[in-house]
N, C-alpha and C. Protein backbone atom coordinates (compact mmCIF):
# COMPACT_ATOMS: atom_id res chain seq x y z
N MET A 1 87.84 88.77 119.13
CA MET A 1 88.78 89.40 119.54
C MET A 1 89.62 89.73 118.23
N GLU A 2 89.83 88.97 117.19
CA GLU A 2 90.10 89.25 115.73
C GLU A 2 89.88 90.39 115.36
N ALA A 3 88.58 90.68 115.43
CA ALA A 3 87.84 91.77 114.77
C ALA A 3 89.20 93.41 115.58
N ALA A 4 88.80 93.20 117.28
CA ALA A 4 89.48 94.11 117.79
C ALA A 4 90.78 94.36 117.28
N THR A 5 91.61 93.07 117.25
CA THR A 5 93.57 93.22 117.02
C THR A 5 93.52 94.18 115.30
N ALA A 6 92.63 93.82 114.77
CA ALA A 6 92.60 94.29 113.32
C ALA A 6 91.84 95.46 113.63
N VAL A 7 91.54 95.80 114.24
CA VAL A 7 91.05 97.24 113.99
C VAL A 7 91.73 98.27 114.86
N ILE A 8 92.72 98.21 115.89
CA ILE A 8 93.84 98.53 116.17
C ILE A 8 94.65 98.79 115.49
N VAL A 9 95.18 97.22 115.20
CA VAL A 9 96.78 97.53 113.98
C VAL A 9 96.28 98.78 113.09
N GLY A 10 95.16 98.64 112.68
CA GLY A 10 94.35 98.95 111.04
C GLY A 10 94.63 100.86 111.96
N LYS A 11 94.31 101.08 112.89
CA LYS A 11 94.41 102.31 113.66
C LYS A 11 95.84 102.76 113.74
N LEU A 12 96.68 102.12 114.55
CA LEU A 12 98.34 102.16 114.57
C LEU A 12 98.99 102.78 113.48
N ALA A 13 98.74 101.82 112.03
CA ALA A 13 99.10 102.00 111.04
C ALA A 13 98.62 103.65 110.26
N LEU A 14 97.21 103.62 110.21
CA LEU A 14 96.67 104.75 109.94
C LEU A 14 97.12 105.72 110.39
N VAL A 15 97.37 105.89 111.17
CA VAL A 15 97.78 107.51 112.35
C VAL A 15 99.33 107.75 112.56
N LEU A 16 100.14 106.76 112.02
CA LEU A 16 101.65 106.41 112.37
C LEU A 16 102.05 106.84 110.65
N SER A 17 101.18 106.86 109.92
CA SER A 17 101.46 107.10 108.48
C SER A 17 101.58 108.55 108.23
N GLN A 18 100.04 108.90 108.68
CA GLN A 18 99.67 110.24 108.55
C GLN A 18 100.75 111.27 109.49
N LEU A 19 101.24 110.67 110.46
CA LEU A 19 102.16 111.69 111.48
C LEU A 19 102.93 111.46 110.76
N LEU A 20 103.91 110.62 110.28
CA LEU A 20 105.01 110.60 109.44
C LEU A 20 104.85 111.74 108.34
N LEU A 21 103.96 111.00 107.63
CA LEU A 21 104.02 112.01 106.18
C LEU A 21 103.97 113.24 106.38
N VAL A 22 102.87 113.63 107.26
CA VAL A 22 102.41 115.26 107.60
C VAL A 22 103.80 115.86 108.78
N THR A 23 104.42 114.86 109.47
CA THR A 23 105.15 115.42 110.20
C THR A 23 106.52 116.35 109.26
N ILE A 24 106.91 115.34 107.71
CA ILE A 24 107.77 115.66 107.13
C ILE A 24 107.22 116.94 105.92
N ALA A 25 106.01 116.75 105.21
CA ALA A 25 105.68 117.46 104.62
C ALA A 25 105.34 118.72 105.40
N SER A 26 105.02 119.05 106.35
CA SER A 26 104.71 120.27 107.33
C SER A 26 105.51 121.13 107.40
N ALA A 27 106.87 120.64 108.09
CA ALA A 27 108.91 121.20 108.07
C ALA A 27 108.99 121.66 106.05
N ILE A 28 108.70 120.92 105.35
CA ILE A 28 109.25 121.75 104.37
C ILE A 28 108.03 122.97 103.55
N ALA A 29 106.47 122.96 104.42
CA ALA A 29 105.57 123.92 104.26
C ALA A 29 106.07 124.99 105.49
N LEU A 30 106.71 124.91 106.54
CA LEU A 30 106.38 125.77 107.00
C LEU A 30 108.22 126.84 107.02
N TRP A 31 109.12 125.77 106.36
CA TRP A 31 110.01 126.39 105.60
C TRP A 31 110.37 127.38 104.71
N ILE A 32 109.62 126.86 103.97
CA ILE A 32 109.00 127.69 102.52
C ILE A 32 108.31 129.38 102.96
N ILE A 33 107.23 128.56 103.57
CA ILE A 33 106.82 130.45 104.32
C ILE A 33 107.28 131.30 105.10
N SER A 34 108.05 130.37 105.44
CA SER A 34 109.67 131.28 106.43
C SER A 34 108.44 131.85 107.43
N LEU A 35 108.48 130.80 109.07
CA LEU A 35 107.33 131.49 110.05
C LEU A 35 108.18 132.31 111.11
N PRO A 36 107.65 132.77 111.70
CA PRO A 36 108.64 132.87 112.85
C PRO A 36 109.27 132.00 114.30
N ILE A 37 110.07 132.01 114.53
CA ILE A 37 110.99 131.15 115.30
C ILE A 37 110.04 130.35 116.37
N HIS A 38 108.95 131.02 117.11
CA HIS A 38 108.37 130.98 118.09
C HIS A 38 106.94 130.17 117.94
N LEU A 39 106.62 130.35 116.16
CA LEU A 39 105.63 129.42 115.45
C LEU A 39 106.18 128.09 115.53
N TRP A 40 108.06 128.32 114.54
CA TRP A 40 108.18 126.93 114.70
C TRP A 40 108.56 125.71 115.58
N LEU A 41 108.91 126.77 117.12
CA LEU A 41 108.91 125.62 118.09
C LEU A 41 107.32 125.42 118.46
N GLY A 42 106.54 126.08 118.28
CA GLY A 42 105.08 125.65 118.96
C GLY A 42 104.56 124.25 117.72
N TRP A 43 105.30 123.99 116.73
CA TRP A 43 105.01 123.52 116.01
C TRP A 43 105.60 121.94 116.55
N ALA A 44 107.11 122.30 116.46
CA ALA A 44 107.59 120.82 117.13
C ALA A 44 107.47 120.45 118.34
N LEU A 45 107.00 121.33 119.38
CA LEU A 45 106.49 120.61 120.70
C LEU A 45 104.93 120.31 120.42
N GLY A 46 104.34 120.44 119.61
CA GLY A 46 102.94 119.93 119.39
C GLY A 46 103.21 118.14 118.65
N THR A 47 103.87 118.75 117.34
CA THR A 47 104.25 117.18 116.91
C THR A 47 105.01 116.39 118.12
N SER A 48 106.13 116.77 118.15
CA SER A 48 106.71 115.90 119.11
C SER A 48 105.82 114.86 120.55
N VAL A 49 104.95 116.07 121.16
CA VAL A 49 104.21 115.15 121.53
C VAL A 49 102.52 113.90 121.33
N PHE A 50 102.98 114.77 119.87
CA PHE A 50 101.78 113.46 119.59
C PHE A 50 102.82 112.24 119.21
N PHE A 51 103.72 112.73 118.73
CA PHE A 51 104.62 111.57 117.80
C PHE A 51 104.68 110.29 119.19
N ALA A 52 105.41 111.01 120.65
CA ALA A 52 105.91 110.44 121.59
C ALA A 52 104.43 109.57 121.98
N GLY A 53 102.89 109.96 122.02
CA GLY A 53 101.74 108.70 122.35
C GLY A 53 101.68 107.72 121.09
N ILE A 54 101.72 108.33 120.08
CA ILE A 54 101.95 106.91 118.80
C ILE A 54 102.93 106.36 119.02
N VAL A 55 104.02 106.83 118.93
CA VAL A 55 105.14 105.83 119.84
C VAL A 55 104.44 104.85 120.97
N SER A 56 104.43 105.05 121.89
CA SER A 56 104.11 104.34 123.40
C SER A 56 102.93 103.67 122.92
N PHE A 57 101.76 104.09 122.22
CA PHE A 57 101.00 103.14 121.29
C PHE A 57 101.18 101.78 120.84
N PHE A 58 102.18 102.17 120.04
CA PHE A 58 102.95 101.09 119.44
C PHE A 58 103.81 99.85 120.03
N LEU A 59 104.29 100.20 120.97
CA LEU A 59 105.13 99.80 122.14
C LEU A 59 104.30 98.70 123.10
N LEU A 60 103.20 99.99 123.58
CA LEU A 60 101.80 99.13 124.23
C LEU A 60 101.77 97.98 123.24
N GLN A 61 101.12 97.85 122.29
CA GLN A 61 100.45 96.96 121.22
C GLN A 61 101.84 96.21 121.26
N ARG A 62 103.03 96.03 121.00
CA ARG A 62 103.92 94.93 120.60
C ARG A 62 104.25 94.21 121.68
N HIS A 63 104.14 94.74 123.05
CA HIS A 63 104.61 94.18 124.08
C HIS A 63 102.93 93.31 124.47
N GLY A 64 102.31 93.43 124.26
CA GLY A 64 100.62 93.18 124.59
C GLY A 64 100.54 93.24 126.09
N LYS A 65 100.50 95.09 126.43
CA LYS A 65 100.19 95.59 127.36
C LYS A 65 98.70 96.48 127.70
N LEU A 66 98.24 96.22 126.65
CA LEU A 66 97.12 97.38 126.42
C LEU A 66 96.24 96.97 127.66
N GLY A 67 95.83 95.81 127.76
CA GLY A 67 95.14 95.31 129.24
C GLY A 67 95.64 95.42 130.35
N ALA A 68 96.94 96.45 131.01
CA ALA A 68 98.20 96.06 131.70
C ALA A 68 97.16 96.87 133.05
N VAL A 69 96.67 98.02 132.86
CA VAL A 69 95.77 98.68 133.50
C VAL A 69 94.49 98.13 134.32
N VAL A 70 93.83 97.39 133.72
CA VAL A 70 92.90 96.28 134.26
C VAL A 70 93.17 95.42 134.88
N ARG A 71 94.15 94.46 134.50
CA ARG A 71 94.80 93.68 135.18
C ARG A 71 95.23 93.92 136.20
N GLY A 72 95.81 94.88 136.66
CA GLY A 72 96.54 95.65 137.84
C GLY A 72 94.88 95.83 138.46
N ALA A 73 94.39 96.50 138.31
CA ALA A 73 93.06 96.43 139.03
C ALA A 73 92.64 95.32 139.46
N GLU A 74 92.25 94.09 138.80
CA GLU A 74 92.10 93.25 139.34
C GLU A 74 92.45 92.51 140.58
N ARG A 75 94.28 92.39 139.95
CA ARG A 75 95.27 92.02 141.04
C ARG A 75 95.12 92.49 142.47
N ILE A 76 94.85 94.10 142.37
CA ILE A 76 94.58 94.67 143.64
C ILE A 76 93.17 94.80 144.84
N GLY A 77 92.47 93.92 143.65
CA GLY A 77 91.21 93.55 144.95
C GLY A 77 89.67 93.96 143.59
N LEU A 78 89.95 94.38 142.50
CA LEU A 78 88.89 94.99 141.77
C LEU A 78 88.35 94.77 141.00
N ARG A 79 87.23 93.46 141.78
CA ARG A 79 86.71 92.23 141.01
C ARG A 79 85.77 92.51 140.49
N GLY A 80 85.11 91.17 140.11
CA GLY A 80 83.78 91.46 139.71
C GLY A 80 83.49 90.49 138.26
N LYS A 81 81.71 90.45 137.97
CA LYS A 81 82.02 89.10 136.57
C LYS A 81 82.87 90.22 135.47
N ARG A 82 81.78 91.38 135.52
CA ARG A 82 82.70 92.35 134.60
C ARG A 82 83.80 92.76 134.05
N MET A 83 84.85 92.97 135.69
CA MET A 83 85.92 93.27 135.51
C MET A 83 86.91 91.73 135.07
N LYS A 84 86.14 90.82 135.55
CA LYS A 84 86.78 89.84 134.95
C LYS A 84 86.81 89.65 133.51
N ALA A 85 85.51 89.25 132.85
CA ALA A 85 85.53 89.42 131.74
C ALA A 85 86.18 90.46 130.68
N MET A 86 86.24 91.69 131.05
CA MET A 86 87.24 92.93 130.78
C MET A 86 88.63 92.41 130.67
N ALA A 87 89.11 91.94 131.66
CA ALA A 87 90.49 91.82 131.59
C ALA A 87 90.89 89.87 130.63
N GLN A 88 89.88 89.35 130.66
CA GLN A 88 90.53 87.96 129.93
C GLN A 88 90.28 88.86 128.53
N TRP A 89 89.26 89.58 127.82
CA TRP A 89 88.94 90.02 126.62
C TRP A 89 90.39 90.37 126.14
N LEU A 90 90.75 91.33 127.21
CA LEU A 90 92.41 92.37 127.22
C LEU A 90 93.29 91.49 126.99
N SER A 91 92.97 90.59 127.42
CA SER A 91 94.39 89.55 127.52
C SER A 91 94.28 88.79 126.28
N ALA A 92 92.92 88.48 125.70
CA ALA A 92 93.47 87.47 124.64
C ALA A 92 93.51 88.68 123.31
N VAL A 93 93.17 89.85 123.48
CA VAL A 93 93.65 90.98 122.21
C VAL A 93 95.29 91.28 122.65
N ASP A 94 95.57 91.53 123.63
CA ASP A 94 97.12 91.26 123.53
C ASP A 94 97.75 90.46 123.47
N GLN A 95 96.96 88.99 123.25
CA GLN A 95 98.17 87.91 122.79
C GLN A 95 98.24 88.05 121.25
N GLY A 96 96.71 88.58 120.58
CA GLY A 96 97.12 88.83 119.30
C GLY A 96 97.47 89.54 119.02
N LEU A 97 97.89 90.54 119.66
CA LEU A 97 98.69 92.31 119.38
C LEU A 97 100.14 91.46 119.04
N ARG A 98 100.78 90.97 120.58
CA ARG A 98 101.84 90.48 120.10
C ARG A 98 102.30 89.45 118.84
N ASP A 99 101.45 88.60 118.93
CA ASP A 99 101.74 87.72 117.86
C ASP A 99 101.81 88.50 115.99
N PHE A 100 100.58 89.46 116.13
CA PHE A 100 100.74 89.76 115.07
C PHE A 100 102.22 91.13 114.58
N HIS A 101 102.35 91.65 115.89
CA HIS A 101 104.08 92.25 115.47
C HIS A 101 105.29 91.02 115.68
N LYS A 102 104.75 89.91 115.99
CA LYS A 102 105.98 89.12 116.09
C LYS A 102 106.21 88.48 114.66
N GLU A 103 105.09 87.79 114.08
CA GLU A 103 104.57 87.13 113.23
C GLU A 103 104.67 87.66 111.32
N ARG A 104 104.11 88.72 112.08
CA ARG A 104 103.69 89.40 110.89
C ARG A 104 104.02 90.63 110.42
N PRO A 105 105.56 91.23 110.73
CA PRO A 105 106.02 92.57 110.97
C PRO A 105 105.64 93.31 109.72
N GLY A 106 106.24 92.33 108.67
CA GLY A 106 106.21 92.99 107.29
C GLY A 106 104.64 93.64 106.54
N ASP A 107 103.44 93.04 107.37
CA ASP A 107 101.95 93.37 107.02
C ASP A 107 102.01 95.05 107.33
N LEU A 108 102.47 95.35 108.21
CA LEU A 108 101.84 96.54 109.13
C LEU A 108 102.90 98.00 108.20
N ALA A 109 104.29 97.24 107.74
CA ALA A 109 105.10 97.89 106.42
C ALA A 109 103.89 97.92 105.65
N ARG A 110 104.01 97.16 105.11
CA ARG A 110 103.04 97.26 103.95
C ARG A 110 102.05 98.82 104.58
N ALA A 111 100.90 98.08 105.23
CA ALA A 111 99.83 99.14 105.31
C ALA A 111 100.33 100.43 105.56
N LEU A 112 101.60 100.74 106.54
CA LEU A 112 102.05 102.12 106.16
C LEU A 112 101.74 102.72 105.33
N SER A 113 102.81 101.94 104.11
CA SER A 113 102.89 102.09 102.44
C SER A 113 101.60 102.56 102.14
N TRP A 114 101.22 101.92 102.32
CA TRP A 114 99.11 101.86 101.71
C TRP A 114 98.82 103.06 101.64
N HIS A 115 98.65 103.65 102.63
CA HIS A 115 98.49 104.60 103.51
C HIS A 115 99.02 106.00 103.12
N VAL A 116 99.94 106.02 103.19
CA VAL A 116 101.20 106.90 103.28
C VAL A 116 100.54 107.52 101.64
N LEU A 117 100.83 106.62 100.36
CA LEU A 117 100.44 106.89 98.94
C LEU A 117 98.62 107.43 99.23
N GLY A 118 98.13 106.64 99.94
CA GLY A 118 96.60 107.48 100.23
C GLY A 118 96.22 108.62 100.07
N TYR A 119 97.05 109.04 101.20
CA TYR A 119 97.10 110.64 102.06
C TYR A 119 97.66 111.15 100.77
N SER A 120 99.06 110.85 100.45
CA SER A 120 99.65 111.37 99.14
C SER A 120 98.50 112.25 97.92
N CYS A 121 97.41 111.58 97.83
CA CYS A 121 96.43 112.09 96.89
C CYS A 121 96.02 113.47 97.31
N GLY A 122 95.98 113.51 98.51
CA GLY A 122 95.27 115.15 98.60
C GLY A 122 95.76 115.64 98.61
N LEU A 123 97.53 115.83 98.60
CA LEU A 123 98.25 117.02 97.65
C LEU A 123 97.75 117.13 95.97
N LEU A 124 97.22 115.91 95.68
CA LEU A 124 96.74 116.56 93.80
C LEU A 124 95.33 117.11 93.77
N GLN A 125 94.92 116.63 95.17
CA GLN A 125 92.97 117.10 95.39
C GLN A 125 93.41 118.62 95.38
N THR A 126 94.51 118.88 96.13
CA THR A 126 94.87 120.81 96.63
C THR A 126 95.10 121.14 95.23
N TRP A 127 96.08 120.32 94.99
CA TRP A 127 96.11 121.57 93.23
C TRP A 127 95.25 121.50 92.82
N LEU A 128 94.68 120.62 92.32
CA LEU A 128 93.47 120.69 91.43
C LEU A 128 92.24 121.95 91.91
N PHE A 129 92.09 121.72 93.40
CA PHE A 129 91.01 123.11 93.69
C PHE A 129 91.87 124.36 93.20
N LEU A 130 92.90 124.65 94.01
CA LEU A 130 93.97 125.70 93.34
C LEU A 130 93.92 125.90 92.20
N SER A 131 94.33 125.19 91.30
CA SER A 131 94.41 125.08 89.36
C SER A 131 92.76 125.87 89.32
N TRP A 132 91.82 125.23 89.59
CA TRP A 132 90.25 125.18 89.29
C TRP A 132 90.17 126.61 89.56
N ALA A 133 90.47 127.30 90.79
CA ALA A 133 90.76 128.98 91.40
C ALA A 133 91.36 129.62 90.46
N GLY A 134 92.44 129.01 90.16
CA GLY A 134 93.20 130.09 89.16
C GLY A 134 93.83 130.81 89.71
N HIS A 135 94.38 129.35 91.06
CA HIS A 135 96.09 130.57 92.19
C HIS A 135 97.01 129.97 91.59
N GLU A 136 98.25 130.93 92.07
CA GLU A 136 99.19 130.82 91.13
C GLU A 136 100.31 131.22 91.96
N PRO A 137 101.41 131.06 92.92
CA PRO A 137 102.10 129.74 91.96
C PRO A 137 101.49 128.82 93.08
N LEU A 138 101.28 127.61 91.72
CA LEU A 138 100.45 126.25 91.95
C LEU A 138 101.09 125.44 92.72
N TRP A 139 102.47 124.97 92.59
CA TRP A 139 102.86 124.36 93.75
C TRP A 139 103.17 124.77 94.64
N LYS A 140 103.90 125.49 94.96
CA LYS A 140 104.31 126.23 96.19
C LYS A 140 102.90 126.13 97.29
N THR A 141 101.91 126.48 96.77
CA THR A 141 101.10 127.27 97.58
C THR A 141 99.98 126.16 97.69
N GLY A 142 100.30 124.87 96.65
CA GLY A 142 99.66 123.40 96.78
C GLY A 142 100.21 123.27 98.23
N VAL A 143 101.83 122.82 98.09
CA VAL A 143 102.14 122.11 99.17
C VAL A 143 102.06 122.43 100.84
N VAL A 144 101.80 124.23 100.54
CA VAL A 144 101.82 124.56 102.50
C VAL A 144 100.52 124.18 103.04
N ILE A 145 99.34 124.59 101.61
CA ILE A 145 97.85 124.33 102.39
C ILE A 145 97.81 122.95 102.52
N TRP A 146 98.02 121.90 101.61
CA TRP A 146 97.51 120.83 101.67
C TRP A 146 99.11 119.91 103.41
N ALA A 147 99.93 120.37 103.17
CA ALA A 147 100.63 119.68 104.48
C ALA A 147 100.46 120.48 105.50
N LEU A 148 100.37 121.61 105.99
CA LEU A 148 99.78 122.92 107.09
C LEU A 148 97.96 122.16 106.92
N GLY A 149 97.29 121.86 106.50
CA GLY A 149 95.64 121.55 106.52
C GLY A 149 95.83 120.14 107.16
N ALA A 150 96.57 119.46 106.39
CA ALA A 150 97.13 118.06 107.13
C ALA A 150 97.53 117.71 108.83
N TRP A 151 98.51 118.41 109.00
CA TRP A 151 98.88 118.89 110.12
C TRP A 151 97.51 119.04 111.56
N PHE A 152 96.86 120.02 110.62
CA PHE A 152 95.78 120.55 112.00
C PHE A 152 94.81 119.33 112.29
N ASP A 153 94.19 118.40 110.98
CA ASP A 153 93.67 117.30 111.25
C ASP A 153 94.19 116.59 111.82
N LEU A 154 95.33 116.37 111.96
CA LEU A 154 96.09 115.40 112.86
C LEU A 154 95.54 116.18 114.69
N VAL A 155 96.57 116.82 114.79
CA VAL A 155 96.17 117.18 115.89
C VAL A 155 94.91 117.43 116.47
N GLY A 156 93.74 117.82 115.55
CA GLY A 156 92.60 117.82 115.92
C GLY A 156 91.51 116.74 115.90
N PHE A 157 92.12 115.47 116.72
CA PHE A 157 91.92 114.32 115.82
C PHE A 157 90.88 114.22 117.23
N ILE A 158 90.93 114.41 118.46
CA ILE A 158 90.08 114.40 119.26
C ILE A 158 88.31 115.21 119.05
N VAL A 159 88.81 116.38 118.19
CA VAL A 159 86.97 116.65 118.15
C VAL A 159 86.56 115.77 117.05
N PRO A 160 85.02 115.02 117.11
CA PRO A 160 84.41 114.17 116.57
C PRO A 160 84.38 114.21 115.21
N ALA A 161 84.77 114.08 114.25
CA ALA A 161 85.00 114.51 113.26
C ALA A 161 85.15 115.30 112.29
N GLY A 162 86.23 116.14 113.25
CA GLY A 162 87.15 117.06 112.72
C GLY A 162 85.64 118.25 112.52
N VAL A 163 84.75 118.73 113.48
CA VAL A 163 84.12 119.40 113.30
C VAL A 163 84.63 120.72 113.32
N GLY A 164 84.56 121.46 112.30
CA GLY A 164 84.91 122.65 112.67
C GLY A 164 86.35 122.80 112.28
N VAL A 165 87.21 122.11 112.08
CA VAL A 165 88.52 121.97 112.46
C VAL A 165 89.24 122.10 111.23
N GLN A 166 88.65 121.33 110.65
CA GLN A 166 89.11 121.38 108.87
C GLN A 166 88.33 122.64 108.35
N GLU A 167 87.02 123.24 108.43
CA GLU A 167 86.79 124.46 107.84
C GLU A 167 87.92 125.56 108.32
N GLY A 168 87.89 125.88 110.08
CA GLY A 168 88.69 126.78 110.31
C GLY A 168 90.24 126.76 109.79
N SER A 169 90.74 125.31 109.76
CA SER A 169 92.26 125.27 109.61
C SER A 169 92.40 125.90 108.45
N ARG A 170 91.79 125.53 107.18
CA ARG A 170 91.70 126.16 105.90
C ARG A 170 91.74 127.55 105.56
N VAL A 171 90.79 127.70 106.29
CA VAL A 171 90.54 129.30 106.00
C VAL A 171 91.76 130.15 106.98
N LEU A 172 92.39 129.31 107.81
CA LEU A 172 93.53 130.42 108.94
C LEU A 172 94.76 129.90 107.76
N VAL A 173 95.18 128.55 106.78
CA VAL A 173 95.91 128.46 105.81
C VAL A 173 96.07 129.14 104.86
N PHE A 174 95.16 129.08 104.29
CA PHE A 174 94.70 130.47 102.71
C PHE A 174 94.96 131.66 103.62
N TYR A 175 95.00 132.04 104.84
CA TYR A 175 95.27 133.20 105.13
C TYR A 175 96.40 133.77 105.69
N ALA A 176 97.38 132.41 105.94
CA ALA A 176 98.61 132.47 105.89
C ALA A 176 99.65 132.61 104.79
N VAL A 177 99.00 132.16 103.72
CA VAL A 177 99.51 132.08 102.42
C VAL A 177 99.25 133.50 101.61
N GLY A 178 98.39 134.04 101.89
CA GLY A 178 98.13 135.20 100.79
C GLY A 178 96.62 135.06 99.99
N LEU A 179 95.80 134.15 100.42
CA LEU A 179 95.27 133.55 99.62
C LEU A 179 93.34 134.12 100.75
N ASN A 180 92.68 134.39 99.35
CA ASN A 180 91.21 135.24 100.11
C ASN A 180 90.77 133.66 101.81
N SER A 181 90.33 134.31 102.54
CA SER A 181 89.69 133.41 103.45
C SER A 181 88.65 132.07 103.02
N LEU A 182 87.56 133.22 102.34
CA LEU A 182 86.79 132.35 101.47
C LEU A 182 87.08 131.34 100.49
N GLY A 183 88.01 130.86 100.38
CA GLY A 183 88.81 129.93 99.23
C GLY A 183 88.78 129.35 100.25
N GLY A 184 89.70 129.48 101.37
CA GLY A 184 89.85 128.41 102.66
C GLY A 184 88.77 127.97 102.59
N LEU A 185 87.88 128.11 103.03
CA LEU A 185 86.30 128.06 104.10
C LEU A 185 85.18 126.99 102.79
N THR A 186 85.76 127.24 101.42
CA THR A 186 84.92 126.94 100.09
C THR A 186 85.95 125.37 100.13
N PHE A 187 87.92 125.43 100.09
CA PHE A 187 88.47 124.31 100.48
C PHE A 187 87.54 123.32 101.27
N GLY A 188 87.41 124.16 102.63
CA GLY A 188 87.13 122.85 103.60
C GLY A 188 85.88 122.12 103.61
N VAL A 189 84.59 122.80 102.56
CA VAL A 189 83.97 122.98 102.79
C VAL A 189 83.58 121.23 101.66
N VAL A 190 84.64 121.27 100.52
CA VAL A 190 84.48 120.36 99.33
C VAL A 190 85.26 119.06 100.08
N LEU A 191 86.38 119.25 101.10
CA LEU A 191 86.76 118.17 101.91
C LEU A 191 85.85 117.81 102.59
N ARG A 192 85.05 118.02 102.86
CA ARG A 192 83.71 117.44 103.73
C ARG A 192 83.31 117.04 103.18
N LEU A 193 82.51 117.48 102.16
CA LEU A 193 81.52 116.72 100.67
C LEU A 193 81.85 115.27 100.29
N THR A 194 83.63 115.52 100.09
CA THR A 194 84.27 114.55 99.50
C THR A 194 84.50 113.38 100.96
N LYS A 195 84.67 113.08 101.89
CA LYS A 195 84.41 112.57 103.30
C LYS A 195 83.54 112.15 103.33
N ALA A 196 82.26 112.33 103.39
CA ALA A 196 80.79 112.15 103.37
C ALA A 196 80.35 111.39 101.77
N PHE A 197 80.97 111.98 100.96
CA PHE A 197 80.91 110.38 99.66
C PHE A 197 81.35 109.63 99.71
N TRP A 198 82.88 109.27 100.06
CA TRP A 198 83.63 108.49 100.16
C TRP A 198 83.06 107.05 101.33
N ALA A 199 82.17 108.06 102.47
CA ALA A 199 81.78 107.08 103.49
C ALA A 199 80.20 106.79 103.34
N LEU A 200 79.70 107.20 102.01
CA LEU A 200 78.62 106.78 101.46
C LEU A 200 79.02 105.44 100.90
N VAL A 201 79.66 105.38 99.94
CA VAL A 201 80.55 104.35 99.09
C VAL A 201 80.78 103.24 99.54
N GLY A 202 81.43 103.44 101.42
CA GLY A 202 81.66 102.56 101.99
C GLY A 202 80.48 101.37 102.77
N LEU A 203 79.63 102.19 103.04
CA LEU A 203 78.68 101.80 103.37
C LEU A 203 78.12 100.68 102.52
N ALA A 204 77.92 101.62 101.59
CA ALA A 204 77.08 100.57 99.90
C ALA A 204 77.73 99.99 100.03
N CYS A 205 79.39 99.96 99.82
CA CYS A 205 80.16 98.16 99.68
C CYS A 205 79.35 97.23 100.94
N TYR A 206 79.55 97.93 102.39
CA TYR A 206 79.56 97.12 103.67
C TYR A 206 77.75 96.69 102.93
N GLY A 207 76.71 97.16 102.62
CA GLY A 207 75.62 96.44 102.32
C GLY A 207 75.86 95.23 101.06
N VAL A 208 76.33 95.79 100.46
CA VAL A 208 76.38 94.57 99.30
C VAL A 208 77.29 93.30 100.17
N LEU A 209 78.22 93.49 101.13
CA LEU A 209 79.01 92.30 101.48
C LEU A 209 77.99 91.31 102.69
N ILE A 210 76.99 91.99 103.28
CA ILE A 210 76.28 91.26 104.26
C ILE A 210 75.13 91.06 103.46
N ARG A 211 74.92 91.20 102.46
CA ARG A 211 73.34 91.28 101.65
C ARG A 211 72.93 90.06 102.00
N ASP A 212 73.61 89.04 101.40
CA ASP A 212 73.59 87.17 101.26
C ASP A 212 73.32 86.46 102.59
N ARG A 213 73.82 87.69 103.48
CA ARG A 213 74.14 86.78 104.99
C ARG A 213 72.61 86.23 105.55
N LYS A 214 72.45 84.73 106.01
CA LYS A 214 71.22 84.94 106.82
C LYS A 214 71.45 84.97 108.03
N ASP A 215 72.16 85.92 108.84
CA ASP A 215 72.28 86.54 109.72
C ASP A 215 72.42 87.66 109.72
N PRO A 216 71.69 89.08 109.53
CA PRO A 216 72.33 90.35 109.36
C PRO A 216 73.34 90.53 110.43
N ARG A 217 73.10 90.41 111.42
CA ARG A 217 73.91 90.50 113.05
C ARG A 217 75.35 90.55 112.34
């Protein structure tokens, strides 16, 4: 139960921080490149829908309602051992979430701050890539590419591992700012390799942590 609570809260902090940062940054980026009004409206609508979903997820956590559907199904007669076990487990998770948001609200704020700082490093990564590729002007172009690319990553979360979304969105964004589409594809591949590298680092760290445990499960 504790592990599930930690993962759910962690996911909320990660996505909420990404949404706040990307919304502000992409609004600045869209102002810089002066898109037509209908594209502005499309961006605003997509961002609003996503924001509403994240806020709803937060409120469900805060009030301990994630398991409400299962508990409601059990009350109307959908019973059985599995349903009962699931309802009990979700109720325990809901209680853990309620306790966390009530007793440790500062921890969520700190997690948001660290995630925002981490995501901001992507701007430096973009600037470095553009600098090595010899593109100018550096800071405006970097802001637009990073912000809009991050926005596509956010709304494309439903695609497993963002396969195709990351590369395709960078091609589109590079084209939008007047750069070579091949450069966008290259940048997308670089981002993919970077993620793969850090995933391997994470797995290695996990292996070190469990190395001395008697029960590897």
